[in-house]
Amino acid sequence: MPPHHVVDFLWFDDCPNHAAARALLGDVIAAIAPGTLIRDIDATDPDVAREVRFPGSPTIRVDGRDVDPGFVDPGEYTPRCRVFWTPDGLRGVPAREWIEAALRG
């Protein structure tokens, strides 16, 4: 039986990449950890962004940890887009293998 995880998907309205990242997250969960619930957190409101320590959209956390293995907390939490240095270069969504590794961990 796979471990149960808490998965948070954080995003904000003006970032175009959150829909693709949310779809990717759904695909990975279906393949690796079916039935895992995703908490969708809209961090468009700056107060919400501060409260959840929002580093940018999209952000995926598994059990409170960012899926980006090189993540460094920026210490500033404003609604903005986020980019990732993936094995395929600079992208607007995290690498699939990062999400897979987080869910397997």
Protein backbone atom coordinates (compact mmCIF):
# COMPACT_ATOMS: atom_id res chain seq x y z
CA MET A 1 0.00 0.00 0.00
CA PRO A 2 1.52 3.36 -1.02
CA PRO A 3 2.09 5.96 1.67
CA HIS A 4 -0.57 8.62 2.10
CA HIS A 5 0.64 12.09 1.28
CA VAL A 6 -0.62 15.59 1.75
CA VAL A 7 -0.30 17.34 -1.61
CA ASP A 8 -0.72 21.09 -1.92
CA PHE A 9 -1.07 22.82 -5.27
CA LEU A 10 -0.53 26.57 -4.94
CA TRP A 11 -1.23 28.98 -7.78
CA PHE A 12 -2.43 32.44 -8.69
CA ASP A 13 -4.78 33.64 -11.39
CA ASP A 14 -2.41 35.67 -13.58
CA CYS A 15 0.07 32.85 -14.13
CA PRO A 16 -0.63 30.89 -17.33
CA ASN A 17 1.37 27.82 -16.27
CA HIS A 18 -0.78 26.65 -13.37
CA ALA A 19 -3.30 24.76 -15.53
CA ALA A 20 -0.55 22.67 -17.18
CA ALA A 21 1.12 22.02 -13.82
CA ARG A 22 -2.19 20.99 -12.25
CA ALA A 23 -2.86 18.57 -15.12
CA LEU A 24 0.66 17.12 -14.78
CA LEU A 25 0.18 16.68 -11.03
CA GLY A 26 -3.11 14.86 -11.64
CA ASP A 27 -1.45 12.53 -14.17
CA VAL A 28 1.44 11.69 -11.83
CA ILE A 29 -0.88 11.03 -8.89
CA ALA A 30 -3.08 8.77 -11.02
CA ALA A 31 0.01 6.77 -12.03
CA ILE A 32 1.85 6.61 -8.70
CA ALA A 33 -0.50 7.39 -5.82
CA PRO A 34 -4.11 7.02 -6.98
CA GLY A 35 -6.65 8.47 -4.60
CA THR A 36 -4.25 11.04 -3.16
CA LEU A 37 -6.16 14.22 -2.47
CA ILE A 38 -4.86 17.54 -3.74
CA ARG A 39 -5.47 20.71 -1.76
CA ASP A 40 -5.82 23.53 -4.31
CA ILE A 41 -4.72 26.80 -2.75
CA ASP A 42 -5.41 30.04 -4.63
CA ALA A 43 -2.68 32.44 -3.51
CA THR A 44 -3.87 35.34 -5.66
CA ASP A 45 -4.66 37.31 -2.48
CA PRO A 46 -1.37 38.70 -1.06
CA ASP A 47 -2.50 37.88 2.51
CA VAL A 48 -3.02 34.23 1.54
CA ALA A 49 0.33 34.22 -0.31
CA ARG A 50 2.12 35.36 2.87
CA GLU A 51 0.21 32.93 5.08
CA VAL A 52 1.17 29.89 2.95
CA ARG A 53 4.73 31.15 2.21
CA PHE A 54 3.97 31.21 -1.52
CA PRO A 55 7.14 31.33 -3.66
CA GLY A 56 5.29 31.65 -6.97
CA SER A 57 2.86 29.91 -9.30
CA PRO A 58 2.77 27.01 -9.74
CA THR A 59 4.05 25.48 -6.51
CA ILE A 60 3.60 21.81 -5.63
CA ARG A 61 4.35 20.56 -2.14
CA VAL A 62 4.23 16.97 -0.98
CA ASP A 63 4.04 16.62 2.80
CA GLY A 64 5.03 20.27 3.15
CA ARG A 65 8.14 20.01 0.97
CA ASP A 66 8.54 21.69 -2.40
CA VAL A 67 8.96 19.12 -5.18
CA ASP A 68 11.87 21.10 -6.68
CA PRO A 69 14.98 19.40 -5.22
CA GLY A 70 16.92 22.67 -5.53
CA PHE A 71 14.23 24.83 -3.92
CA VAL A 72 15.42 27.73 -1.81
CA ASP A 73 12.78 29.68 0.08
CA PRO A 74 12.87 33.23 -1.32
CA GLY A 75 11.62 34.75 1.94
CA GLU A 76 9.24 36.91 -0.09
CA TYR A 77 5.72 35.71 -0.74
CA THR A 78 3.91 37.70 -3.39
CA PRO A 79 1.58 36.43 -6.11
CA ARG A 80 3.87 35.91 -9.12
CA CYS A 81 4.84 33.34 -11.72
CA ARG A 82 7.58 30.85 -11.00
CA VAL A 83 10.14 29.19 -13.25
CA PHE A 84 12.10 26.00 -12.65
CA TRP A 85 15.58 24.90 -13.71
CA THR A 86 14.62 21.42 -14.88
CA PRO A 87 16.75 18.76 -16.58
CA ASP A 88 15.15 20.06 -19.82
CA GLY A 89 16.09 23.68 -19.15
CA LEU A 90 14.09 26.60 -17.82
CA ARG A 91 10.39 25.70 -17.61
CA GLY A 92 7.16 27.12 -16.21
CA VAL A 93 6.19 23.80 -14.60
CA PRO A 94 8.23 21.50 -12.38
CA ALA A 95 9.79 18.36 -13.86
CA ARG A 96 7.57 15.27 -13.83
CA GLU A 97 10.34 13.21 -12.20
CA TRP A 98 10.46 15.62 -9.24
CA ILE A 99 6.78 15.05 -8.52
CA GLU A 100 7.23 11.30 -8.94
CA ALA A 101 10.20 11.27 -6.55
CA ALA A 102 8.30 13.31 -3.94
CA LEU A 103 5.34 10.95 -4.06
CA ARG A 104 7.57 7.88 -3.83
CA GLY A 105 9.56 9.39 -0.96
